[in-house]
Amino acid sequence: MQILLDDIILFGYHGVHPLENEVGTNFQIGIKIDIDDIPIRVLEDTVDYEKVYLLLKEEFKKTEQLLEVLADRIIQTIISNFHQIIQIEISIKKLNPPIPSFQGTVGIKKLKKIK
């Protein structure tokens, strides 16, 4: 079973350029969580996507220069709250990167296998 949180837009101050840390920009985040394939009857049997979102928002407030570091921290926070996770993937895209004449997004994707 997979739990998906897609196309989340959060504002943050992440990046190596000083202007990114002062002005900030929007980021697009996606999280895919694989969980044990067991019968799910109550919320405690699964991963609560609302709680995942709240954990993401809290970690996203902490400025990082590298998206790789931010992704690692978010992953660790999520897996420490849910024992059902067997694999988690996160993607973080910077929607307005400070690259002259660049149109598009830049970002990272990280996959972590737990079990």
PDB file of N, CA and C in Angstrom:
ATOM      1  N   MET A   1       0.850  -1.173   0.000  1.00  0.00           N
ATOM      2  CA  MET A   1       0.000   0.000   0.000  1.00  0.00           C
ATOM      3  C   MET A   1       0.894   1.234   0.000  1.00  0.00           C
ATOM      4  N   GLN A   2       0.438   2.274  -0.668  1.00  0.00           N
ATOM      5  CA  GLN A   2       1.173   3.545  -0.692  1.00  0.00           C
ATOM      6  C   GLN A   2       0.297   4.681  -0.177  1.00  0.00           C
ATOM      7  N   ILE A   3       0.932   5.561   0.561  1.00  0.00           N
ATOM      8  CA  ILE A   3       0.315   6.806   1.008  1.00  0.00           C
ATOM      9  C   ILE A   3       0.989   7.912   0.187  1.00  0.00           C
ATOM     10  N   LEU A   4       0.187   8.758  -0.451  1.00  0.00           N
ATOM     11  CA  LEU A   4       0.739   9.790  -1.331  1.00  0.00           C
ATOM     12  C   LEU A   4       0.324  11.181  -0.886  1.00  0.00           C
ATOM     13  N   LEU A   5       1.286  12.071  -0.857  1.00  0.00           N
ATOM     14  CA  LEU A   5       1.032  13.496  -0.693  1.00  0.00           C
ATOM     15  C   LEU A   5       1.732  14.154  -1.877  1.00  0.00           C
ATOM     16  N   ASP A   6       0.971  14.708  -2.798  1.00  0.00           N
ATOM     17  CA  ASP A   6       1.534  15.240  -4.040  1.00  0.00           C
ATOM     18  C   ASP A   6       1.309  16.737  -4.181  1.00  0.00           C
ATOM     19  N   ASP A   7       2.240  17.360  -4.880  1.00  0.00           N
ATOM     20  CA  ASP A   7       2.109  18.764  -5.296  1.00  0.00           C
ATOM     21  C   ASP A   7       1.841  19.732  -4.141  1.00  0.00           C
ATOM     22  N   ILE A   8       2.494  19.487  -3.020  1.00  0.00           N
ATOM     23  CA  ILE A   8       2.377  20.384  -1.868  1.00  0.00           C
ATOM     24  C   ILE A   8       3.239  21.616  -2.153  1.00  0.00           C
ATOM     25  N   ILE A   9       2.691  22.780  -1.951  1.00  0.00           N
ATOM     26  CA  ILE A   9       3.447  24.018  -2.137  1.00  0.00           C
ATOM     27  C   ILE A   9       3.694  24.640  -0.765  1.00  0.00           C
ATOM     28  N   LEU A  10       4.978  24.822  -0.436  1.00  0.00           N
ATOM     29  CA  LEU A  10       5.364  25.480   0.810  1.00  0.00           C
ATOM     30  C   LEU A  10       6.372  26.574   0.501  1.00  0.00           C
ATOM     31  N   PHE A  11       6.338  27.615   1.268  1.00  0.00           N
ATOM     32  CA  PHE A  11       7.280  28.721   1.145  1.00  0.00           C
ATOM     33  C   PHE A  11       8.424  28.476   2.113  1.00  0.00           C
ATOM     34  N   GLY A  12       9.652  28.678   1.640  1.00  0.00           N
ATOM     35  CA  GLY A  12      10.792  28.458   2.519  1.00  0.00           C
ATOM     36  C   GLY A  12      11.994  29.296   2.136  1.00  0.00           C
ATOM     37  N   TYR A  13      13.014  29.243   2.974  1.00  0.00           N
ATOM     38  CA  TYR A  13      14.229  30.055   2.822  1.00  0.00           C
ATOM     39  C   TYR A  13      15.453  29.164   2.614  1.00  0.00           C
ATOM     40  N   HIS A  14      15.324  28.153   1.791  1.00  0.00           N
ATOM     41  CA  HIS A  14      16.378  27.175   1.588  1.00  0.00           C
ATOM     42  C   HIS A  14      17.208  27.519   0.356  1.00  0.00           C
ATOM     43  N   GLY A  15      18.530  27.375   0.467  1.00  0.00           N
ATOM     44  CA  GLY A  15      19.404  27.608  -0.666  1.00  0.00           C
ATOM     45  C   GLY A  15      20.754  28.128  -0.228  1.00  0.00           C
ATOM     46  N   VAL A  16      21.697  28.094  -1.154  1.00  0.00           N
ATOM     47  CA  VAL A  16      23.061  28.541  -0.848  1.00  0.00           C
ATOM     48  C   VAL A  16      23.268  30.029  -1.132  1.00  0.00           C
ATOM     49  N   HIS A  17      22.379  30.629  -1.900  1.00  0.00           N
ATOM     50  CA  HIS A  17      22.503  32.051  -2.203  1.00  0.00           C
ATOM     51  C   HIS A  17      21.898  32.881  -1.068  1.00  0.00           C
ATOM     52  N   PRO A  18      22.607  33.901  -0.604  1.00  0.00           N
ATOM     53  CA  PRO A  18      22.087  34.717   0.505  1.00  0.00           C
ATOM     54  C   PRO A  18      20.684  35.276   0.249  1.00  0.00           C
ATOM     55  N   LEU A  19      20.393  35.631  -0.995  1.00  0.00           N
ATOM     56  CA  LEU A  19      19.080  36.180  -1.316  1.00  0.00           C
ATOM     57  C   LEU A  19      17.973  35.148  -1.049  1.00  0.00           C
ATOM     58  N   GLU A  20      18.259  33.868  -1.282  1.00  0.00           N
ATOM     59  CA  GLU A  20      17.269  32.818  -1.023  1.00  0.00           C
ATOM     60  C   GLU A  20      16.925  32.748   0.460  1.00  0.00           C
ATOM     61  N   ASN A  21      17.920  32.986   1.304  1.00  0.00           N
ATOM     62  CA  ASN A  21      17.708  32.944   2.744  1.00  0.00           C
ATOM     63  C   ASN A  21      17.013  34.191   3.268  1.00  0.00           C
ATOM     64  N   GLU A  22      17.082  35.278   2.523  1.00  0.00           N
ATOM     65  CA  GLU A  22      16.418  36.528   2.919  1.00  0.00           C
ATOM     66  C   GLU A  22      15.005  36.626   2.376  1.00  0.00           C
ATOM     67  N   VAL A  23      14.841  36.369   1.082  1.00  0.00           N
ATOM     68  CA  VAL A  23      13.567  36.581   0.398  1.00  0.00           C
ATOM     69  C   VAL A  23      12.703  35.327   0.399  1.00  0.00           C
ATOM     70  N   GLY A  24      13.327  34.163   0.226  1.00  0.00           N
ATOM     71  CA  GLY A  24      12.594  32.907   0.180  1.00  0.00           C
ATOM     72  C   GLY A  24      11.922  32.674  -1.163  1.00  0.00           C
ATOM     73  N   THR A  25      11.344  31.500  -1.313  1.00  0.00           N
ATOM     74  CA  THR A  25      10.643  31.146  -2.546  1.00  0.00           C
ATOM     75  C   THR A  25       9.704  29.972  -2.284  1.00  0.00           C
ATOM     76  N   ASN A  26       8.919  29.637  -3.275  1.00  0.00           N
ATOM     77  CA  ASN A  26       8.012  28.498  -3.173  1.00  0.00           C
ATOM     78  C   ASN A  26       8.702  27.217  -3.608  1.00  0.00           C
ATOM     79  N   PHE A  27       8.335  26.135  -2.931  1.00  0.00           N
ATOM     80  CA  PHE A  27       8.839  24.810  -3.234  1.00  0.00           C
ATOM     81  C   PHE A  27       7.652  23.885  -3.452  1.00  0.00           C
ATOM     82  N   GLN A  28       7.854  22.899  -4.312  1.00  0.00           N
ATOM     83  CA  GLN A  28       6.841  21.869  -4.534  1.00  0.00           C
ATOM     84  C   GLN A  28       7.387  20.560  -3.989  1.00  0.00           C
ATOM     85  N   ILE A  29       6.603  19.922  -3.118  1.00  0.00           N
ATOM     86  CA  ILE A  29       7.050  18.715  -2.429  1.00  0.00           C
ATOM     87  C   ILE A  29       6.094  17.568  -2.721  1.00  0.00           C
ATOM     88  N   GLY A  30       6.662  16.399  -2.894  1.00  0.00           N
ATOM     89  CA  GLY A  30       5.884  15.169  -3.037  1.00  0.00           C
ATOM     90  C   GLY A  30       6.452  14.116  -2.099  1.00  0.00           C
ATOM     91  N   ILE A  31       5.579  13.365  -1.468  1.00  0.00           N
ATOM     92  CA  ILE A  31       6.009  12.298  -0.561  1.00  0.00           C
ATOM     93  C   ILE A  31       5.238  11.037  -0.917  1.00  0.00           C
ATOM     94  N   LYS A  32       5.974   9.945  -1.079  1.00  0.00           N
ATOM     95  CA  LYS A  32       5.371   8.642  -1.340  1.00  0.00           C
ATOM     96  C   LYS A  32       5.866   7.690  -0.251  1.00  0.00           C
ATOM     97  N   ILE A  33       4.931   7.097   0.479  1.00  0.00           N
ATOM     98  CA  ILE A  33       5.259   6.220   1.595  1.00  0.00           C
ATOM     99  C   ILE A  33       4.680   4.837   1.332  1.00  0.00           C
ATOM    100  N   ASP A  34       5.549   3.830   1.315  1.00  0.00           N
ATOM    101  CA  ASP A  34       5.107   2.439   1.225  1.00  0.00           C
ATOM    102  C   ASP A  34       4.989   1.889   2.634  1.00  0.00           C
ATOM    103  N   ILE A  35       3.871   1.215   2.897  1.00  0.00           N
ATOM    104  CA  ILE A  35       3.660   0.647   4.229  1.00  0.00           C
ATOM    105  C   ILE A  35       3.420  -0.855   4.116  1.00  0.00           C
ATOM    106  N   ASP A  36       3.539  -1.528   5.271  1.00  0.00           N
ATOM    107  CA  ASP A  36       3.267  -2.958   5.334  1.00  0.00           C
ATOM    108  C   ASP A  36       1.881  -3.252   4.772  1.00  0.00           C
ATOM    109  N   ASP A  37       1.782  -4.359   4.066  1.00  0.00           N
ATOM    110  CA  ASP A  37       0.505  -4.760   3.482  1.00  0.00           C
ATOM    111  C   ASP A  37      -0.271  -5.603   4.486  1.00  0.00           C
ATOM    112  N   ILE A  38      -0.876  -4.904   5.451  1.00  0.00           N
ATOM    113  CA  ILE A  38      -1.668  -5.578   6.487  1.00  0.00           C
ATOM    114  C   ILE A  38      -3.093  -5.030   6.433  1.00  0.00           C
ATOM    115  N   PRO A  39      -4.046  -5.737   6.976  1.00  0.00           N
ATOM    116  CA  PRO A  39      -5.411  -5.192   7.006  1.00  0.00           C
ATOM    117  C   PRO A  39      -5.449  -3.872   7.789  1.00  0.00           C
ATOM    118  N   ILE A  40      -6.100  -2.898   7.204  1.00  0.00           N
ATOM    119  CA  ILE A  40      -6.226  -1.582   7.851  1.00  0.00           C
ATOM    120  C   ILE A  40      -7.686  -1.369   8.217  1.00  0.00           C
ATOM    121  N   ARG A  41      -7.905  -1.191   9.520  1.00  0.00           N
ATOM    122  CA  ARG A  41      -9.278  -1.020   9.997  1.00  0.00           C
ATOM    123  C   ARG A  41      -9.491   0.297  10.736  1.00  0.00           C
ATOM    124  N   VAL A  42      -8.402   0.824  11.297  1.00  0.00           N
ATOM    125  CA  VAL A  42      -8.478   2.096  12.014  1.00  0.00           C
ATOM    126  C   VAL A  42      -7.262   2.939  11.630  1.00  0.00           C
ATOM    127  N   LEU A  43      -7.306   4.213  11.923  1.00  0.00           N
ATOM    128  CA  LEU A  43      -6.245   5.135  11.542  1.00  0.00           C
ATOM    129  C   LEU A  43      -4.885   4.713  12.091  1.00  0.00           C
ATOM    130  N   GLU A  44      -4.859   4.135  13.264  1.00  0.00           N
ATOM    131  CA  GLU A  44      -3.602   3.719  13.887  1.00  0.00           C
ATOM    132  C   GLU A  44      -2.910   2.585  13.117  1.00  0.00           C
ATOM    133  N   ASP A  45      -3.652   1.898  12.232  1.00  0.00           N
ATOM    134  CA  ASP A  45      -3.063   0.826  11.427  1.00  0.00           C
ATOM    135  C   ASP A  45      -2.275   1.350  10.229  1.00  0.00           C
ATOM    136  N   THR A  46      -2.437   2.606   9.921  1.00  0.00           N
ATOM    137  CA  THR A  46      -1.841   3.168   8.714  1.00  0.00           C
ATOM    138  C   THR A  46      -1.039   4.424   9.050  1.00  0.00           C
ATOM    139  N   VAL A  47      -0.602   5.115   8.018  1.00  0.00           N
ATOM    140  CA  VAL A  47       0.124   6.371   8.180  1.00  0.00           C
ATOM    141  C   VAL A  47      -0.862   7.512   7.954  1.00  0.00           C
ATOM    142  N   ASP A  48      -1.028   8.336   8.948  1.00  0.00           N
ATOM    143  CA  ASP A  48      -1.962   9.470   8.909  1.00  0.00           C
ATOM    144  C   ASP A  48      -1.347  10.579   8.055  1.00  0.00           C
ATOM    145  N   TYR A  49      -1.895  10.790   6.856  1.00  0.00           N
ATOM    146  CA  TYR A  49      -1.298  11.788   5.961  1.00  0.00           C
ATOM    147  C   TYR A  49      -1.409  13.206   6.496  1.00  0.00           C
ATOM    148  N   GLU A  50      -2.394  13.481   7.344  1.00  0.00           N
ATOM    149  CA  GLU A  50      -2.466  14.806   7.960  1.00  0.00           C
ATOM    150  C   GLU A  50      -1.274  15.025   8.889  1.00  0.00           C
ATOM    151  N   LYS A  51      -0.929  14.014   9.670  1.00  0.00           N
ATOM    152  CA  LYS A  51       0.226  14.126  10.559  1.00  0.00           C
ATOM    153  C   LYS A  51       1.523  14.243   9.752  1.00  0.00           C
ATOM    154  N   VAL A  52       1.625  13.489   8.644  1.00  0.00           N
ATOM    155  CA  VAL A  52       2.796  13.596   7.775  1.00  0.00           C
ATOM    156  C   VAL A  52       2.936  15.036   7.277  1.00  0.00           C
ATOM    157  N   TYR A  53       1.827  15.619   6.851  1.00  0.00           N
ATOM    158  CA  TYR A  53       1.843  17.000   6.364  1.00  0.00           C
ATOM    159  C   TYR A  53       2.276  17.974   7.467  1.00  0.00           C
ATOM    160  N   LEU A  54       1.774  17.799   8.662  1.00  0.00           N
ATOM    161  CA  LEU A  54       2.148  18.684   9.766  1.00  0.00           C
ATOM    162  C   LEU A  54       3.624  18.538  10.126  1.00  0.00           C
ATOM    163  N   LEU A  55       4.137  17.302  10.094  1.00  0.00           N
ATOM    164  CA  LEU A  55       5.568  17.082  10.343  1.00  0.00           C
ATOM    165  C   LEU A  55       6.414  17.739   9.246  1.00  0.00           C
ATOM    166  N   LEU A  56       5.984  17.594   8.007  1.00  0.00           N
ATOM    167  CA  LEU A  56       6.670  18.230   6.876  1.00  0.00           C
ATOM    168  C   LEU A  56       6.719  19.742   7.062  1.00  0.00           C
ATOM    169  N   LYS A  57       5.588  20.345   7.360  1.00  0.00           N
ATOM    170  CA  LYS A  57       5.539  21.800   7.540  1.00  0.00           C
ATOM    171  C   LYS A  57       6.477  22.268   8.646  1.00  0.00           C
ATOM    172  N   GLU A  58       6.521  21.532   9.746  1.00  0.00           N
ATOM    173  CA  GLU A  58       7.368  21.913  10.873  1.00  0.00           C
ATOM    174  C   GLU A  58       8.848  21.845  10.495  1.00  0.00           C
ATOM    175  N   GLU A  59       9.256  20.775   9.825  1.00  0.00           N
ATOM    176  CA  GLU A  59      10.655  20.634   9.411  1.00  0.00           C
ATOM    177  C   GLU A  59      11.018  21.648   8.333  1.00  0.00           C
ATOM    178  N   PHE A  60      10.052  21.989   7.490  1.00  0.00           N
ATOM    179  CA  PHE A  60      10.317  22.914   6.387  1.00  0.00           C
ATOM    180  C   PHE A  60      10.605  24.329   6.869  1.00  0.00           C
ATOM    181  N   LYS A  61      10.166  24.644   8.061  1.00  0.00           N
ATOM    182  CA  LYS A  61      10.423  25.976   8.629  1.00  0.00           C
ATOM    183  C   LYS A  61      11.896  26.198   8.958  1.00  0.00           C
ATOM    184  N   LYS A  62      12.648  25.112   9.133  1.00  0.00           N
ATOM    185  CA  LYS A  62      14.064  25.197   9.517  1.00  0.00           C
ATOM    186  C   LYS A  62      14.919  25.331   8.256  1.00  0.00           C
ATOM    187  N   THR A  63      15.529  26.492   8.080  1.00  0.00           N
ATOM    188  CA  THR A  63      16.289  26.807   6.874  1.00  0.00           C
ATOM    189  C   THR A  63      17.506  25.895   6.714  1.00  0.00           C
ATOM    190  N   GLU A  64      17.693  25.424   5.477  1.00  0.00           N
ATOM    191  CA  GLU A  64      18.860  24.616   5.111  1.00  0.00           C
ATOM    192  C   GLU A  64      19.447  25.176   3.821  1.00  0.00           C
ATOM    193  N   GLN A  65      20.756  25.098   3.692  1.00  0.00           N
ATOM    194  CA  GLN A  65      21.375  25.492   2.432  1.00  0.00           C
ATOM    195  C   GLN A  65      21.114  24.454   1.352  1.00  0.00           C
ATOM    196  N   LEU A  66      21.181  23.178   1.711  1.00  0.00           N
ATOM    197  CA  LEU A  66      21.052  22.108   0.725  1.00  0.00           C
ATOM    198  C   LEU A  66      19.718  21.377   0.874  1.00  0.00           C
ATOM    199  N   LEU A  67      19.043  21.176  -0.251  1.00  0.00           N
ATOM    200  CA  LEU A  67      17.787  20.432  -0.233  1.00  0.00           C
ATOM    201  C   LEU A  67      18.014  18.983   0.176  1.00  0.00           C
ATOM    202  N   GLU A  68      19.200  18.451  -0.102  1.00  0.00           N
ATOM    203  CA  GLU A  68      19.531  17.088   0.294  1.00  0.00           C
ATOM    204  C   GLU A  68      19.472  16.921   1.819  1.00  0.00           C
ATOM    205  N   VAL A  69      19.981  17.904   2.535  1.00  0.00           N
ATOM    206  CA  VAL A  69      19.962  17.879   4.001  1.00  0.00           C
ATOM    207  C   VAL A  69      18.521  18.006   4.507  1.00  0.00           C
ATOM    208  N   LEU A  70      17.774  18.889   3.892  1.00  0.00           N
ATOM    209  CA  LEU A  70      16.369  19.081   4.260  1.00  0.00           C
ATOM    210  C   LEU A  70      15.576  17.794   4.045  1.00  0.00           C
ATOM    211  N   ALA A  71      15.782  17.140   2.910  1.00  0.00           N
ATOM    212  CA  ALA A  71      15.074  15.891   2.616  1.00  0.00           C
ATOM    213  C   ALA A  71      15.412  14.814   3.639  1.00  0.00           C
ATOM    214  N   ASP A  72      16.684  14.683   3.978  1.00  0.00           N
ATOM    215  CA  ASP A  72      17.092  13.690   4.992  1.00  0.00           C
ATOM    216  C   ASP A  72      16.398  13.942   6.327  1.00  0.00           C
ATOM    217  N   ARG A  73      16.352  15.194   6.728  1.00  0.00           N
ATOM    218  CA  ARG A  73      15.747  15.541   8.018  1.00  0.00           C
ATOM    219  C   ARG A  73      14.239  15.251   8.008  1.00  0.00           C
ATOM    220  N   ILE A  74      13.570  15.582   6.919  1.00  0.00           N
ATOM    221  CA  ILE A  74      12.129  15.323   6.812  1.00  0.00           C
ATOM    222  C   ILE A  74      11.861  13.824   6.856  1.00  0.00           C
ATOM    223  N   ILE A  75      12.641  13.057   6.109  1.00  0.00           N
ATOM    224  CA  ILE A  75      12.475  11.605   6.093  1.00  0.00           C
ATOM    225  C   ILE A  75      12.653  11.029   7.493  1.00  0.00           C
ATOM    226  N   GLN A  76      13.703  11.427   8.185  1.00  0.00           N
ATOM    227  CA  GLN A  76      13.965  10.911   9.535  1.00  0.00           C
ATOM    228  C   GLN A  76      12.824  11.233  10.487  1.00  0.00           C
ATOM    229  N   THR A  77      12.297  12.435  10.390  1.00  0.00           N
ATOM    230  CA  THR A  77      11.185  12.832  11.259  1.00  0.00           C
ATOM    231  C   THR A  77       9.957  11.983  10.988  1.00  0.00           C
ATOM    232  N   ILE A  78       9.647  11.765   9.724  1.00  0.00           N
ATOM    233  CA  ILE A  78       8.457  10.977   9.382  1.00  0.00           C
ATOM    234  C   ILE A  78       8.608   9.529   9.819  1.00  0.00           C
ATOM    235  N   ILE A  79       9.743   8.907   9.516  1.00  0.00           N
ATOM    236  CA  ILE A  79       9.881   7.484   9.863  1.00  0.00           C
ATOM    237  C   ILE A  79       9.951   7.269  11.379  1.00  0.00           C
ATOM    238  N   SER A  80      10.400   8.280  12.110  1.00  0.00           N
ATOM    239  CA  SER A  80      10.440   8.120  13.567  1.00  0.00           C
ATOM    240  C   SER A  80       9.040   8.176  14.186  1.00  0.00           C
ATOM    241  N   ASN A  81       8.047   8.604  13.408  1.00  0.00           N
ATOM    242  CA  ASN A  81       6.678   8.698  13.911  1.00  0.00           C
ATOM    243  C   ASN A  81       5.760   7.562  13.463  1.00  0.00           C
ATOM    244  N   PHE A  82       6.225   6.739  12.516  1.00  0.00           N
ATOM    245  CA  PHE A  82       5.363   5.679  11.986  1.00  0.00           C
ATOM    246  C   PHE A  82       6.160   4.389  11.799  1.00  0.00           C
ATOM    247  N   HIS A  83       5.795   3.353  12.542  1.00  0.00           N
ATOM    248  CA  HIS A  83       6.497   2.067  12.465  1.00  0.00           C
ATOM    249  C   HIS A  83       6.117   1.259  11.225  1.00  0.00           C
ATOM    250  N   GLN A  84       5.037   1.625  10.553  1.00  0.00           N
ATOM    251  CA  GLN A  84       4.540   0.867   9.405  1.00  0.00           C
ATOM    252  C   GLN A  84       5.341   1.105   8.116  1.00  0.00           C
ATOM    253  N   ILE A  85       6.170   2.125   8.087  1.00  0.00           N
ATOM    254  CA  ILE A  85       6.848   2.518   6.842  1.00  0.00           C
ATOM    255  C   ILE A  85       7.925   1.508   6.474  1.00  0.00           C
ATOM    256  N   ILE A  86       7.871   1.060   5.227  1.00  0.00           N
ATOM    257  CA  ILE A  86       8.926   0.183   4.712  1.00  0.00           C
ATOM    258  C   ILE A  86       9.799   0.901   3.679  1.00  0.00           C
ATOM    259  N   GLN A  87       9.260   1.975   3.120  1.00  0.00           N
ATOM    260  CA  GLN A  87      10.024   2.769   2.157  1.00  0.00           C
ATOM    261  C   GLN A  87       9.383   4.138   2.051  1.00  0.00           C
ATOM    262  N   ILE A  88      10.228   5.155   1.860  1.00  0.00           N
ATOM    263  CA  ILE A  88       9.719   6.515   1.724  1.00  0.00           C
ATOM    264  C   ILE A  88      10.522   7.238   0.650  1.00  0.00           C
ATOM    265  N   GLU A  89       9.813   8.015  -0.136  1.00  0.00           N
ATOM    266  CA  GLU A  89      10.462   8.811  -1.173  1.00  0.00           C
ATOM    267  C   GLU A  89       9.957  10.247  -1.054  1.00  0.00           C
ATOM    268  N   ILE A  90      10.872  11.191  -1.174  1.00  0.00           N
ATOM    269  CA  ILE A  90      10.500  12.598  -1.130  1.00  0.00           C
ATOM    270  C   ILE A  90      11.143  13.311  -2.306  1.00  0.00           C
ATOM    271  N   SER A  91      10.395  14.208  -2.900  1.00  0.00           N
ATOM    272  CA  SER A  91      10.956  15.086  -3.927  1.00  0.00           C
ATOM    273  C   SER A  91      10.698  16.525  -3.491  1.00  0.00           C
ATOM    274  N   ILE A  92      11.710  17.359  -3.687  1.00  0.00           N
ATOM    275  CA  ILE A  92      11.593  18.783  -3.355  1.00  0.00           C
ATOM    276  C   ILE A  92      12.081  19.554  -4.570  1.00  0.00           C
ATOM    277  N   LYS A  93      11.207  20.400  -5.106  1.00  0.00           N
ATOM    278  CA  LYS A  93      11.558  21.212  -6.270  1.00  0.00           C
ATOM    279  C   LYS A  93      11.497  22.686  -5.904  1.00  0.00           C
ATOM    280  N   LYS A  94      12.512  23.402  -6.306  1.00  0.00           N
ATOM    281  CA  LYS A  94      12.538  24.854  -6.134  1.00  0.00           C
ATOM    282  C   LYS A  94      11.866  25.446  -7.376  1.00  0.00           C
ATOM    283  N   LEU A  95      10.745  26.145  -7.181  1.00  0.00           N
ATOM    284  CA  LEU A  95       9.961  26.612  -8.321  1.00  0.00           C
ATOM    285  C   LEU A  95      10.556  27.832  -9.018  1.00  0.00           C
ATOM    286  N   ASN A  96      11.330  28.616  -8.304  1.00  0.00           N
ATOM    287  CA  ASN A  96      11.947  29.821  -8.893  1.00  0.00           C
ATOM    288  C   ASN A  96      13.425  29.875  -8.534  1.00  0.00           C
ATOM    289  N   PRO A  97      14.231  28.987  -9.122  1.00  0.00           N
ATOM    290  CA  PRO A  97      15.651  28.977  -8.762  1.00  0.00           C
ATOM    291  C   PRO A  97      16.357  30.249  -9.238  1.00  0.00           C
ATOM    292  N   PRO A  98      17.310  30.737  -8.446  1.00  0.00           N
ATOM    293  CA  PRO A  98      17.998  31.983  -8.811  1.00  0.00           C
ATOM    294  C   PRO A  98      19.118  31.737  -9.829  1.00  0.00           C
ATOM    295  N   ILE A  99      18.726  31.297 -11.011  1.00  0.00           N
ATOM    296  CA  ILE A  99      19.670  31.036 -12.093  1.00  0.00           C
ATOM    297  C   ILE A  99      19.303  31.969 -13.246  1.00  0.00           C
ATOM    298  N   PRO A 100      20.217  32.837 -13.654  1.00  0.00           N
ATOM    299  CA  PRO A 100      19.906  33.784 -14.733  1.00  0.00           C
ATOM    300  C   PRO A 100      19.405  33.085 -16.004  1.00  0.00           C
ATOM    301  N   SER A 101      18.321  33.589 -16.554  1.00  0.00           N
ATOM    302  CA  SER A 101      17.713  33.120 -17.814  1.00  0.00           C
ATOM    303  C   SER A 101      17.207  31.685 -17.759  1.00  0.00           C
ATOM    304  N   PHE A 102      17.079  31.101 -16.575  1.00  0.00           N
ATOM    305  CA  PHE A 102      16.620  29.716 -16.440  1.00  0.00           C
ATOM    306  C   PHE A 102      15.113  29.692 -16.290  1.00  0.00           C
ATOM    307  N   GLN A 103      14.468  28.833 -17.056  1.00  0.00           N
ATOM    308  CA  GLN A 103      13.034  28.620 -16.907  1.00  0.00           C
ATOM    309  C   GLN A 103      12.816  27.147 -16.608  1.00  0.00           C
ATOM    310  N   GLY A 104      12.158  26.863 -15.518  1.00  0.00           N
ATOM    311  CA  GLY A 104      11.927  25.493 -15.099  1.00  0.00           C
ATOM    312  C   GLY A 104      12.098  25.371 -13.597  1.00  0.00           C
ATOM    313  N   THR A 105      12.243  24.141 -13.155  1.00  0.00           N
ATOM    314  CA  THR A 105      12.445  23.887 -11.732  1.00  0.00           C
ATOM    315  C   THR A 105      13.730  23.090 -11.550  1.00  0.00           C
ATOM    316  N   VAL A 106      14.275  23.162 -10.358  1.00  0.00           N
ATOM    317  CA  VAL A 106      15.405  22.323  -9.970  1.00  0.00           C
ATOM    318  C   VAL A 106      15.011  21.643  -8.667  1.00  0.00           C
ATOM    319  N   GLY A 107      15.647  20.539  -8.358  1.00  0.00           N
ATOM    320  CA  GLY A 107      15.294  19.894  -7.112  1.00  0.00           C
ATOM    321  C   GLY A 107      16.015  18.586  -6.907  1.00  0.00           C
ATOM    322  N   ILE A 108      15.527  17.849  -5.914  1.00  0.00           N
ATOM    323  CA  ILE A 108      16.125  16.571  -5.547  1.00  0.00           C
ATOM    324  C   ILE A 108      15.009  15.547  -5.323  1.00  0.00           C
ATOM    325  N   LYS A 109      15.402  14.283  -5.398  1.00  0.00           N
ATOM    326  CA  LYS A 109      14.499  13.189  -5.042  1.00  0.00           C
ATOM    327  C   LYS A 109      15.330  12.194  -4.241  1.00  0.00           C
ATOM    328  N   LYS A 110      14.777  11.755  -3.114  1.00  0.00           N
ATOM    329  CA  LYS A 110      15.487  10.830  -2.235  1.00  0.00           C
ATOM    330  C   LYS A 110      14.579   9.657  -1.906  1.00  0.00           C
ATOM    331  N   LEU A 111      15.122   8.463  -2.019  1.00  0.00           N
ATOM    332  CA  LEU A 111      14.411   7.247  -1.683  1.00  0.00           C
ATOM    333  C   LEU A 111      15.142   6.563  -0.537  1.00  0.00           C
ATOM    334  N   LYS A 112      14.390   6.184   0.498  1.00  0.00           N
ATOM    335  CA  LYS A 112      14.997   5.483   1.638  1.00  0.00           C
ATOM    336  C   LYS A 112      14.174   4.235   1.929  1.00  0.00           C
ATOM    337  N   LYS A 113      14.862   3.092   1.909  1.00  0.00           N
ATOM    338  CA  LYS A 113      14.235   1.821   2.260  1.00  0.00           C
ATOM    339  C   LYS A 113      14.471   1.567   3.740  1.00  0.00           C
ATOM    340  N   ILE A 114      13.416   1.182   4.455  1.00  0.00           N
ATOM    341  CA  ILE A 114      13.493   0.987   5.891  1.00  0.00           C
ATOM    342  C   ILE A 114      13.618  -0.500   6.223  1.00  0.00           C
ATOM    343  N   LYS A 115      12.778  -1.298   5.614  1.00  0.00           N
ATOM    344  CA  LYS A 115      12.770  -2.736   5.931  1.00  0.00           C
ATOM    345  C   LYS A 115      13.165  -3.542   4.717  1.00  0.00           C
TER     346      LYS A 115
END
